[in-house]
Amino acid sequence: MKQPPLTPQQYAVAMTYGNFPDAPKVVAKGRGLIAQAIIERARQHGIYVHESEELVGMLMQVELDQQIPPALYLAVAELLAWLYRLEHADKTAIPPFTKI
């Protein structure tokens, strides 16, 4: 019996970012029950879950504990900007860039 195709919700990738100047790194990925566990754990910890079939598909090709490739920098930067806006929704604007 042939199984139905997997839906985007059945794939998940988790990334970490914060060690400037390093690129974001894939720290978990999976499909089916593993994907559900990744999403559930993210939500338990108050981490936003963004659904993008295309981005997840590209990130699934990145090996665990590896930085994202330069080809994905723009897409992930847009995702990080989206997250920043969500986390700082109570503020009216993104703070200006300041030179040090």
PDB file of N, CA and C in Angstrom:
ATOM      1  N   MET A   1       0.833  -1.180   0.000  1.00  0.00           N
ATOM      2  CA  MET A   1       0.000   0.000   0.000  1.00  0.00           C
ATOM      3  C   MET A   1       0.882   1.249   0.000  1.00  0.00           C
ATOM      4  N   LYS A   2       0.627   2.108  -0.954  1.00  0.00           N
ATOM      5  CA  LYS A   2       1.422   3.323  -1.092  1.00  0.00           C
ATOM      6  C   LYS A   2       0.971   4.375  -0.080  1.00  0.00           C
ATOM      7  N   GLN A   3       1.960   4.978   0.620  1.00  0.00           N
ATOM      8  CA  GLN A   3       1.644   6.018   1.592  1.00  0.00           C
ATOM      9  C   GLN A   3       1.464   7.355   0.881  1.00  0.00           C
ATOM     10  N   PRO A   4       0.619   8.238   1.436  1.00  0.00           N
ATOM     11  CA  PRO A   4       0.462   9.556   0.830  1.00  0.00           C
ATOM     12  C   PRO A   4       1.761  10.345   0.959  1.00  0.00           C
ATOM     13  N   PRO A   5       1.999  11.297   0.055  1.00  0.00           N
ATOM     14  CA  PRO A   5       3.233  12.081   0.141  1.00  0.00           C
ATOM     15  C   PRO A   5       3.273  12.875   1.442  1.00  0.00           C
ATOM     16  N   LEU A   6       4.487  13.099   1.922  1.00  0.00           N
ATOM     17  CA  LEU A   6       4.661  13.883   3.142  1.00  0.00           C
ATOM     18  C   LEU A   6       4.313  15.335   2.879  1.00  0.00           C
ATOM     19  N   THR A   7       3.714  15.959   3.854  1.00  0.00           N
ATOM     20  CA  THR A   7       3.376  17.366   3.732  1.00  0.00           C
ATOM     21  C   THR A   7       4.505  18.196   4.327  1.00  0.00           C
ATOM     22  N   PRO A   8       4.550  19.506   4.048  1.00  0.00           N
ATOM     23  CA  PRO A   8       5.605  20.348   4.609  1.00  0.00           C
ATOM     24  C   PRO A   8       5.640  20.300   6.134  1.00  0.00           C
ATOM     25  N   GLN A   9       4.483  20.110   6.764  1.00  0.00           N
ATOM     26  CA  GLN A   9       4.431  20.067   8.214  1.00  0.00           C
ATOM     27  C   GLN A   9       5.130  18.823   8.758  1.00  0.00           C
ATOM     28  N   GLN A  10       5.399  17.864   7.919  1.00  0.00           N
ATOM     29  CA  GLN A  10       6.040  16.638   8.377  1.00  0.00           C
ATOM     30  C   GLN A  10       7.562  16.698   8.240  1.00  0.00           C
ATOM     31  N   TYR A  11       8.099  17.817   7.874  1.00  0.00           N
ATOM     32  CA  TYR A  11       9.531  18.054   7.829  1.00  0.00           C
ATOM     33  C   TYR A  11       9.826  19.234   8.740  1.00  0.00           C
ATOM     34  N   ALA A  12      10.931  19.183   9.444  1.00  0.00           N
ATOM     35  CA  ALA A  12      11.297  20.306  10.303  1.00  0.00           C
ATOM     36  C   ALA A  12      12.812  20.410  10.385  1.00  0.00           C
ATOM     37  N   VAL A  13      13.267  21.650  10.489  1.00  0.00           N
ATOM     38  CA  VAL A  13      14.688  21.935  10.652  1.00  0.00           C
ATOM     39  C   VAL A  13      14.814  22.979  11.747  1.00  0.00           C
ATOM     40  N   ALA A  14      15.746  22.761  12.662  1.00  0.00           N
ATOM     41  CA  ALA A  14      16.027  23.739  13.710  1.00  0.00           C
ATOM     42  C   ALA A  14      17.422  24.301  13.481  1.00  0.00           C
ATOM     43  N   MET A  15      17.534  25.615  13.643  1.00  0.00           N
ATOM     44  CA  MET A  15      18.826  26.282  13.483  1.00  0.00           C
ATOM     45  C   MET A  15      19.151  27.046  14.749  1.00  0.00           C
ATOM     46  N   THR A  16      20.426  27.308  14.922  1.00  0.00           N
ATOM     47  CA  THR A  16      20.876  28.173  15.999  1.00  0.00           C
ATOM     48  C   THR A  16      21.726  29.270  15.386  1.00  0.00           C
ATOM     49  N   TYR A  17      21.687  30.435  16.028  1.00  0.00           N
ATOM     50  CA  TYR A  17      22.477  31.566  15.545  1.00  0.00           C
ATOM     51  C   TYR A  17      22.800  32.449  16.731  1.00  0.00           C
ATOM     52  N   GLY A  18      23.984  32.982  16.725  1.00  0.00           N
ATOM     53  CA  GLY A  18      24.320  33.888  17.801  1.00  0.00           C
ATOM     54  C   GLY A  18      25.807  34.078  17.990  1.00  0.00           C
ATOM     55  N   ASN A  19      26.618  33.286  17.339  1.00  0.00           N
ATOM     56  CA  ASN A  19      28.066  33.432  17.472  1.00  0.00           C
ATOM     57  C   ASN A  19      28.618  34.244  16.307  1.00  0.00           C
ATOM     58  N   PHE A  20      28.333  35.535  16.325  1.00  0.00           N
ATOM     59  CA  PHE A  20      28.818  36.421  15.265  1.00  0.00           C
ATOM     60  C   PHE A  20      30.315  36.255  15.165  1.00  0.00           C
ATOM     61  N   PRO A  21      30.922  36.121  14.026  1.00  0.00           N
ATOM     62  CA  PRO A  21      30.409  36.294  12.673  1.00  0.00           C
ATOM     63  C   PRO A  21      29.998  34.992  11.995  1.00  0.00           C
ATOM     64  N   ASP A  22      29.879  33.915  12.737  1.00  0.00           N
ATOM     65  CA  ASP A  22      29.505  32.640  12.122  1.00  0.00           C
ATOM     66  C   ASP A  22      28.092  32.685  11.550  1.00  0.00           C
ATOM     67  N   ALA A  23      27.872  31.865  10.544  1.00  0.00           N
ATOM     68  CA  ALA A  23      26.544  31.735   9.935  1.00  0.00           C
ATOM     69  C   ALA A  23      25.678  30.833  10.808  1.00  0.00           C
ATOM     70  N   PRO A  24      24.360  30.927  10.664  1.00  0.00           N
ATOM     71  CA  PRO A  24      23.477  30.007  11.395  1.00  0.00           C
ATOM     72  C   PRO A  24      23.839  28.550  11.093  1.00  0.00           C
ATOM     73  N   LYS A  25      23.568  27.693  12.062  1.00  0.00           N
ATOM     74  CA  LYS A  25      23.923  26.284  11.955  1.00  0.00           C
ATOM     75  C   LYS A  25      22.681  25.420  12.144  1.00  0.00           C
ATOM     76  N   VAL A  26      22.579  24.349  11.366  1.00  0.00           N
ATOM     77  CA  VAL A  26      21.484  23.386  11.500  1.00  0.00           C
ATOM     78  C   VAL A  26      21.803  22.480  12.686  1.00  0.00           C
ATOM     79  N   VAL A  27      20.902  22.453  13.683  1.00  0.00           N
ATOM     80  CA  VAL A  27      21.144  21.657  14.885  1.00  0.00           C
ATOM     81  C   VAL A  27      20.183  20.481  15.038  1.00  0.00           C
ATOM     82  N   ALA A  28      19.111  20.468  14.273  1.00  0.00           N
ATOM     83  CA  ALA A  28      18.178  19.330  14.291  1.00  0.00           C
ATOM     84  C   ALA A  28      17.398  19.340  12.989  1.00  0.00           C
ATOM     85  N   LYS A  29      17.064  18.156  12.515  1.00  0.00           N
ATOM     86  CA  LYS A  29      16.222  18.060  11.324  1.00  0.00           C
ATOM     87  C   LYS A  29      15.617  16.674  11.279  1.00  0.00           C
ATOM     88  N   GLY A  30      14.468  16.587  10.653  1.00  0.00           N
ATOM     89  CA  GLY A  30      13.831  15.288  10.540  1.00  0.00           C
ATOM     90  C   GLY A  30      12.485  15.385   9.865  1.00  0.00           C
ATOM     91  N   ARG A  31      11.848  14.238   9.745  1.00  0.00           N
ATOM     92  CA  ARG A  31      10.521  14.190   9.140  1.00  0.00           C
ATOM     93  C   ARG A  31       9.622  13.304   9.983  1.00  0.00           C
ATOM     94  N   GLY A  32       8.335  13.396   9.748  1.00  0.00           N
ATOM     95  CA  GLY A  32       7.375  12.583  10.470  1.00  0.00           C
ATOM     96  C   GLY A  32       7.379  12.861  11.963  1.00  0.00           C
ATOM     97  N   LEU A  33       7.526  11.800  12.763  1.00  0.00           N
ATOM     98  CA  LEU A  33       7.494  11.953  14.213  1.00  0.00           C
ATOM     99  C   LEU A  33       8.643  12.810  14.742  1.00  0.00           C
ATOM    100  N   ILE A  34       9.806  12.714  14.106  1.00  0.00           N
ATOM    101  CA  ILE A  34      10.935  13.540  14.537  1.00  0.00           C
ATOM    102  C   ILE A  34      10.623  15.010  14.277  1.00  0.00           C
ATOM    103  N   ALA A  35      10.051  15.307  13.125  1.00  0.00           N
ATOM    104  CA  ALA A  35       9.674  16.690  12.813  1.00  0.00           C
ATOM    105  C   ALA A  35       8.649  17.206  13.814  1.00  0.00           C
ATOM    106  N   GLN A  36       7.674  16.372  14.136  1.00  0.00           N
ATOM    107  CA  GLN A  36       6.667  16.775  15.115  1.00  0.00           C
ATOM    108  C   GLN A  36       7.319  17.066  16.467  1.00  0.00           C
ATOM    109  N   ALA A  37       8.295  16.253  16.865  1.00  0.00           N
ATOM    110  CA  ALA A  37       8.984  16.463  18.138  1.00  0.00           C
ATOM    111  C   ALA A  37       9.795  17.753  18.121  1.00  0.00           C
ATOM    112  N   ILE A  38      10.445  18.054  17.006  1.00  0.00           N
ATOM    113  CA  ILE A  38      11.210  19.300  16.886  1.00  0.00           C
ATOM    114  C   ILE A  38      10.278  20.495  17.037  1.00  0.00           C
ATOM    115  N   ILE A  39       9.156  20.468  16.340  1.00  0.00           N
ATOM    116  CA  ILE A  39       8.191  21.574  16.395  1.00  0.00           C
ATOM    117  C   ILE A  39       7.595  21.692  17.793  1.00  0.00           C
ATOM    118  N   GLU A  40       7.238  20.566  18.394  1.00  0.00           N
ATOM    119  CA  GLU A  40       6.662  20.594  19.742  1.00  0.00           C
ATOM    120  C   GLU A  40       7.653  21.165  20.760  1.00  0.00           C
ATOM    121  N   ARG A  41       8.893  20.741  20.689  1.00  0.00           N
ATOM    122  CA  ARG A  41       9.907  21.251  21.620  1.00  0.00           C
ATOM    123  C   ARG A  41      10.123  22.752  21.420  1.00  0.00           C
ATOM    124  N   ALA A  42      10.143  23.193  20.179  1.00  0.00           N
ATOM    125  CA  ALA A  42      10.301  24.625  19.919  1.00  0.00           C
ATOM    126  C   ALA A  42       9.164  25.407  20.565  1.00  0.00           C
ATOM    127  N   ARG A  43       7.955  24.949  20.366  1.00  0.00           N
ATOM    128  CA  ARG A  43       6.797  25.645  20.935  1.00  0.00           C
ATOM    129  C   ARG A  43       6.807  25.607  22.455  1.00  0.00           C
ATOM    130  N   GLN A  44       7.243  24.491  23.055  1.00  0.00           N
ATOM    131  CA  GLN A  44       7.336  24.398  24.515  1.00  0.00           C
ATOM    132  C   GLN A  44       8.286  25.445  25.088  1.00  0.00           C
ATOM    133  N   HIS A  45       9.293  25.803  24.305  1.00  0.00           N
ATOM    134  CA  HIS A  45      10.294  26.765  24.759  1.00  0.00           C
ATOM    135  C   HIS A  45      10.037  28.179  24.240  1.00  0.00           C
ATOM    136  N   GLY A  46       8.855  28.386  23.666  1.00  0.00           N
ATOM    137  CA  GLY A  46       8.493  29.714  23.197  1.00  0.00           C
ATOM    138  C   GLY A  46       9.241  30.172  21.960  1.00  0.00           C
ATOM    139  N   ILE A  47       9.741  29.226  21.193  1.00  0.00           N
ATOM    140  CA  ILE A  47      10.465  29.550  19.965  1.00  0.00           C
ATOM    141  C   ILE A  47       9.463  29.586  18.821  1.00  0.00           C
ATOM    142  N   TYR A  48       9.522  30.637  18.046  1.00  0.00           N
ATOM    143  CA  TYR A  48       8.604  30.772  16.915  1.00  0.00           C
ATOM    144  C   TYR A  48       8.891  29.705  15.869  1.00  0.00           C
ATOM    145  N   VAL A  49       7.826  29.219  15.265  1.00  0.00           N
ATOM    146  CA  VAL A  49       7.934  28.220  14.211  1.00  0.00           C
ATOM    147  C   VAL A  49       7.472  28.866  12.917  1.00  0.00           C
ATOM    148  N   HIS A  50       8.363  28.905  11.956  1.00  0.00           N
ATOM    149  CA  HIS A  50       8.060  29.501  10.652  1.00  0.00           C
ATOM    150  C   HIS A  50       7.892  28.361   9.655  1.00  0.00           C
ATOM    151  N   GLU A  51       6.846  28.422   8.857  1.00  0.00           N
ATOM    152  CA  GLU A  51       6.575  27.364   7.893  1.00  0.00           C
ATOM    153  C   GLU A  51       6.875  27.849   6.486  1.00  0.00           C
ATOM    154  N   SER A  52       7.874  27.241   5.877  1.00  0.00           N
ATOM    155  CA  SER A  52       8.226  27.542   4.496  1.00  0.00           C
ATOM    156  C   SER A  52       8.719  26.254   3.849  1.00  0.00           C
ATOM    157  N   GLU A  53       7.890  25.696   3.008  1.00  0.00           N
ATOM    158  CA  GLU A  53       8.227  24.430   2.353  1.00  0.00           C
ATOM    159  C   GLU A  53       9.553  24.531   1.601  1.00  0.00           C
ATOM    160  N   GLU A  54       9.758  25.641   0.906  1.00  0.00           N
ATOM    161  CA  GLU A  54      10.965  25.803   0.106  1.00  0.00           C
ATOM    162  C   GLU A  54      12.210  25.894   0.985  1.00  0.00           C
ATOM    163  N   LEU A  55      12.147  26.709   2.040  1.00  0.00           N
ATOM    164  CA  LEU A  55      13.311  26.881   2.906  1.00  0.00           C
ATOM    165  C   LEU A  55      13.626  25.590   3.656  1.00  0.00           C
ATOM    166  N   VAL A  56      12.611  24.914   4.165  1.00  0.00           N
ATOM    167  CA  VAL A  56      12.838  23.643   4.858  1.00  0.00           C
ATOM    168  C   VAL A  56      13.477  22.640   3.906  1.00  0.00           C
ATOM    169  N   GLY A  57      12.992  22.596   2.674  1.00  0.00           N
ATOM    170  CA  GLY A  57      13.563  21.677   1.690  1.00  0.00           C
ATOM    171  C   GLY A  57      15.043  21.933   1.459  1.00  0.00           C
ATOM    172  N   MET A  58      15.430  23.196   1.386  1.00  0.00           N
ATOM    173  CA  MET A  58      16.843  23.531   1.183  1.00  0.00           C
ATOM    174  C   MET A  58      17.664  23.231   2.439  1.00  0.00           C
ATOM    175  N   LEU A  59      17.101  23.542   3.608  1.00  0.00           N
ATOM    176  CA  LEU A  59      17.830  23.308   4.854  1.00  0.00           C
ATOM    177  C   LEU A  59      17.970  21.824   5.178  1.00  0.00           C
ATOM    178  N   MET A  60      17.050  20.997   4.708  1.00  0.00           N
ATOM    179  CA  MET A  60      17.157  19.551   4.928  1.00  0.00           C
ATOM    180  C   MET A  60      18.418  18.981   4.269  1.00  0.00           C
ATOM    181  N   GLN A  61      18.958  19.678   3.281  1.00  0.00           N
ATOM    182  CA  GLN A  61      20.156  19.214   2.583  1.00  0.00           C
ATOM    183  C   GLN A  61      21.437  19.558   3.335  1.00  0.00           C
ATOM    184  N   VAL A  62      21.344  20.414   4.346  1.00  0.00           N
ATOM    185  CA  VAL A  62      22.518  20.804   5.135  1.00  0.00           C
ATOM    186  C   VAL A  62      22.751  19.746   6.208  1.00  0.00           C
ATOM    187  N   GLU A  63      23.984  19.316   6.360  1.00  0.00           N
ATOM    188  CA  GLU A  63      24.320  18.305   7.364  1.00  0.00           C
ATOM    189  C   GLU A  63      24.153  18.892   8.769  1.00  0.00           C
ATOM    190  N   LEU A  64      23.850  18.023   9.737  1.00  0.00           N
ATOM    191  CA  LEU A  64      23.722  18.453  11.128  1.00  0.00           C
ATOM    192  C   LEU A  64      25.027  19.066  11.618  1.00  0.00           C
ATOM    193  N   ASP A  65      24.889  20.095  12.447  1.00  0.00           N
ATOM    194  CA  ASP A  65      26.014  20.827  13.035  1.00  0.00           C
ATOM    195  C   ASP A  65      26.883  21.539  11.995  1.00  0.00           C
ATOM    196  N   GLN A  66      26.324  21.758  10.817  1.00  0.00           N
ATOM    197  CA  GLN A  66      27.033  22.506   9.781  1.00  0.00           C
ATOM    198  C   GLN A  66      26.372  23.860   9.578  1.00  0.00           C
ATOM    199  N   GLN A  67      27.184  24.851   9.239  1.00  0.00           N
ATOM    200  CA  GLN A  67      26.645  26.170   8.941  1.00  0.00           C
ATOM    201  C   GLN A  67      25.898  26.125   7.622  1.00  0.00           C
ATOM    202  N   ILE A  68      24.911  27.009   7.505  1.00  0.00           N
ATOM    203  CA  ILE A  68      24.185  27.081   6.240  1.00  0.00           C
ATOM    204  C   ILE A  68      25.131  27.573   5.155  1.00  0.00           C
ATOM    205  N   PRO A  69      24.926  27.150   3.917  1.00  0.00           N
ATOM    206  CA  PRO A  69      25.788  27.610   2.827  1.00  0.00           C
ATOM    207  C   PRO A  69      25.456  29.053   2.435  1.00  0.00           C
ATOM    208  N   PRO A  70      26.424  29.747   1.853  1.00  0.00           N
ATOM    209  CA  PRO A  70      26.191  31.138   1.430  1.00  0.00           C
ATOM    210  C   PRO A  70      24.961  31.323   0.548  1.00  0.00           C
ATOM    211  N   ALA A  71      24.594  30.320  -0.219  1.00  0.00           N
ATOM    212  CA  ALA A  71      23.419  30.430  -1.096  1.00  0.00           C
ATOM    213  C   ALA A  71      22.133  30.643  -0.293  1.00  0.00           C
ATOM    214  N   LEU A  72      22.127  30.279   0.997  1.00  0.00           N
ATOM    215  CA  LEU A  72      20.926  30.429   1.824  1.00  0.00           C
ATOM    216  C   LEU A  72      20.985  31.648   2.741  1.00  0.00           C
ATOM    217  N   TYR A  73      22.057  32.412   2.688  1.00  0.00           N
ATOM    218  CA  TYR A  73      22.195  33.567   3.587  1.00  0.00           C
ATOM    219  C   TYR A  73      21.016  34.529   3.484  1.00  0.00           C
ATOM    220  N   LEU A  74      20.625  34.894   2.271  1.00  0.00           N
ATOM    221  CA  LEU A  74      19.547  35.872   2.102  1.00  0.00           C
ATOM    222  C   LEU A  74      18.229  35.334   2.659  1.00  0.00           C
ATOM    223  N   ALA A  75      17.887  34.098   2.336  1.00  0.00           N
ATOM    224  CA  ALA A  75      16.624  33.526   2.819  1.00  0.00           C
ATOM    225  C   ALA A  75      16.613  33.454   4.345  1.00  0.00           C
ATOM    226  N   VAL A  76      17.709  33.044   4.942  1.00  0.00           N
ATOM    227  CA  VAL A  76      17.766  32.933   6.398  1.00  0.00           C
ATOM    228  C   VAL A  76      17.817  34.317   7.035  1.00  0.00           C
ATOM    229  N   ALA A  77      18.473  35.275   6.393  1.00  0.00           N
ATOM    230  CA  ALA A  77      18.481  36.645   6.916  1.00  0.00           C
ATOM    231  C   ALA A  77      17.063  37.210   6.947  1.00  0.00           C
ATOM    232  N   GLU A  78      16.280  36.936   5.916  1.00  0.00           N
ATOM    233  CA  GLU A  78      14.884  37.382   5.905  1.00  0.00           C
ATOM    234  C   GLU A  78      14.096  36.716   7.030  1.00  0.00           C
ATOM    235  N   LEU A  79      14.371  35.439   7.291  1.00  0.00           N
ATOM    236  CA  LEU A  79      13.724  34.732   8.389  1.00  0.00           C
ATOM    237  C   LEU A  79      14.111  35.353   9.731  1.00  0.00           C
ATOM    238  N   LEU A  80      15.385  35.657   9.919  1.00  0.00           N
ATOM    239  CA  LEU A  80      15.837  36.277  11.167  1.00  0.00           C
ATOM    240  C   LEU A  80      15.221  37.662  11.352  1.00  0.00           C
ATOM    241  N   ALA A  81      15.066  38.404  10.265  1.00  0.00           N
ATOM    242  CA  ALA A  81      14.412  39.720  10.353  1.00  0.00           C
ATOM    243  C   ALA A  81      12.945  39.551  10.759  1.00  0.00           C
ATOM    244  N   TRP A  82      12.278  38.548  10.220  1.00  0.00           N
ATOM    245  CA  TRP A  82      10.882  38.253  10.591  1.00  0.00           C
ATOM    246  C   TRP A  82      10.795  37.938  12.077  1.00  0.00           C
ATOM    247  N   LEU A  83      11.718  37.092  12.559  1.00  0.00           N
ATOM    248  CA  LEU A  83      11.732  36.750  13.982  1.00  0.00           C
ATOM    249  C   LEU A  83      11.990  37.974  14.857  1.00  0.00           C
ATOM    250  N   TYR A  84      12.898  38.828  14.421  1.00  0.00           N
ATOM    251  CA  TYR A  84      13.198  40.041  15.180  1.00  0.00           C
ATOM    252  C   TYR A  84      11.944  40.909  15.310  1.00  0.00           C
ATOM    253  N   ARG A  85      11.222  41.052  14.203  1.00  0.00           N
ATOM    254  CA  ARG A  85       9.998  41.857  14.237  1.00  0.00           C
ATOM    255  C   ARG A  85       8.965  41.245  15.179  1.00  0.00           C
ATOM    256  N   LEU A  86       8.834  39.923  15.169  1.00  0.00           N
ATOM    257  CA  LEU A  86       7.889  39.265  16.079  1.00  0.00           C
ATOM    258  C   LEU A  86       8.279  39.465  17.536  1.00  0.00           C
ATOM    259  N   GLU A  87       9.555  39.313  17.817  1.00  0.00           N
ATOM    260  CA  GLU A  87      10.023  39.413  19.198  1.00  0.00           C
ATOM    261  C   GLU A  87      10.011  40.839  19.715  1.00  0.00           C
ATOM    262  N   HIS A  88      10.026  41.816  18.821  1.00  0.00           N
ATOM    263  CA  HIS A  88      10.072  43.216  19.220  1.00  0.00           C
ATOM    264  C   HIS A  88       8.836  43.966  18.737  1.00  0.00           C
ATOM    265  N   ALA A  89       7.713  43.270  18.670  1.00  0.00           N
ATOM    266  CA  ALA A  89       6.473  43.855  18.162  1.00  0.00           C
ATOM    267  C   ALA A  89       6.001  45.025  19.011  1.00  0.00           C
ATOM    268  N   ASP A  90       6.365  45.039  20.285  1.00  0.00           N
ATOM    269  CA  ASP A  90       5.927  46.130  21.162  1.00  0.00           C
ATOM    270  C   ASP A  90       6.699  47.420  20.905  1.00  0.00           C
ATOM    271  N   LYS A  91       7.790  47.320  20.194  1.00  0.00           N
ATOM    272  CA  LYS A  91       8.573  48.509  19.849  1.00  0.00           C
ATOM    273  C   LYS A  91       8.122  48.997  18.475  1.00  0.00           C
ATOM    274  N   THR A  92       8.201  50.273  18.240  1.00  0.00           N
ATOM    275  CA  THR A  92       7.661  50.827  17.001  1.00  0.00           C
ATOM    276  C   THR A  92       8.576  50.658  15.803  1.00  0.00           C
ATOM    277  N   ALA A  93       9.879  50.534  16.016  1.00  0.00           N
ATOM    278  CA  ALA A  93      10.778  50.449  14.871  1.00  0.00           C
ATOM    279  C   ALA A  93      12.022  49.652  15.236  1.00  0.00           C
ATOM    280  N   ILE A  94      12.681  49.164  14.224  1.00  0.00           N
ATOM    281  CA  ILE A  94      13.957  48.493  14.418  1.00  0.00           C
ATOM    282  C   ILE A  94      14.977  49.574  14.762  1.00  0.00           C
ATOM    283  N   PRO A  95      15.800  49.358  15.791  1.00  0.00           N
ATOM    284  CA  PRO A  95      16.763  50.390  16.165  1.00  0.00           C
ATOM    285  C   PRO A  95      17.736  50.674  15.022  1.00  0.00           C
ATOM    286  N   PRO A  96      18.169  51.915  14.903  1.00  0.00           N
ATOM    287  CA  PRO A  96      19.100  52.250  13.814  1.00  0.00           C
ATOM    288  C   PRO A  96      20.449  51.622  14.041  1.00  0.00           C
ATOM    289  N   PHE A  97      21.179  51.430  12.959  1.00  0.00           N
ATOM    290  CA  PHE A  97      22.534  50.910  13.023  1.00  0.00           C
ATOM    291  C   PHE A  97      23.430  51.995  13.584  1.00  0.00           C
ATOM    292  N   THR A  98      24.262  51.641  14.530  1.00  0.00           N
ATOM    293  CA  THR A  98      25.194  52.617  15.111  1.00  0.00           C
ATOM    294  C   THR A  98      26.607  52.128  14.914  1.00  0.00           C
ATOM    295  N   LYS A  99      27.489  53.036  14.570  1.00  0.00           N
ATOM    296  CA  LYS A  99      28.900  52.693  14.391  1.00  0.00           C
ATOM    297  C   LYS A  99      29.570  52.684  15.768  1.00  0.00           C
ATOM    298  N   ILE A 100      30.519  51.790  15.896  1.00  0.00           N
ATOM    299  CA  ILE A 100      31.248  51.705  17.164  1.00  0.00           C
ATOM    300  C   ILE A 100      32.623  52.328  16.976  1.00  0.00           C
TER     301      ILE A 100
END
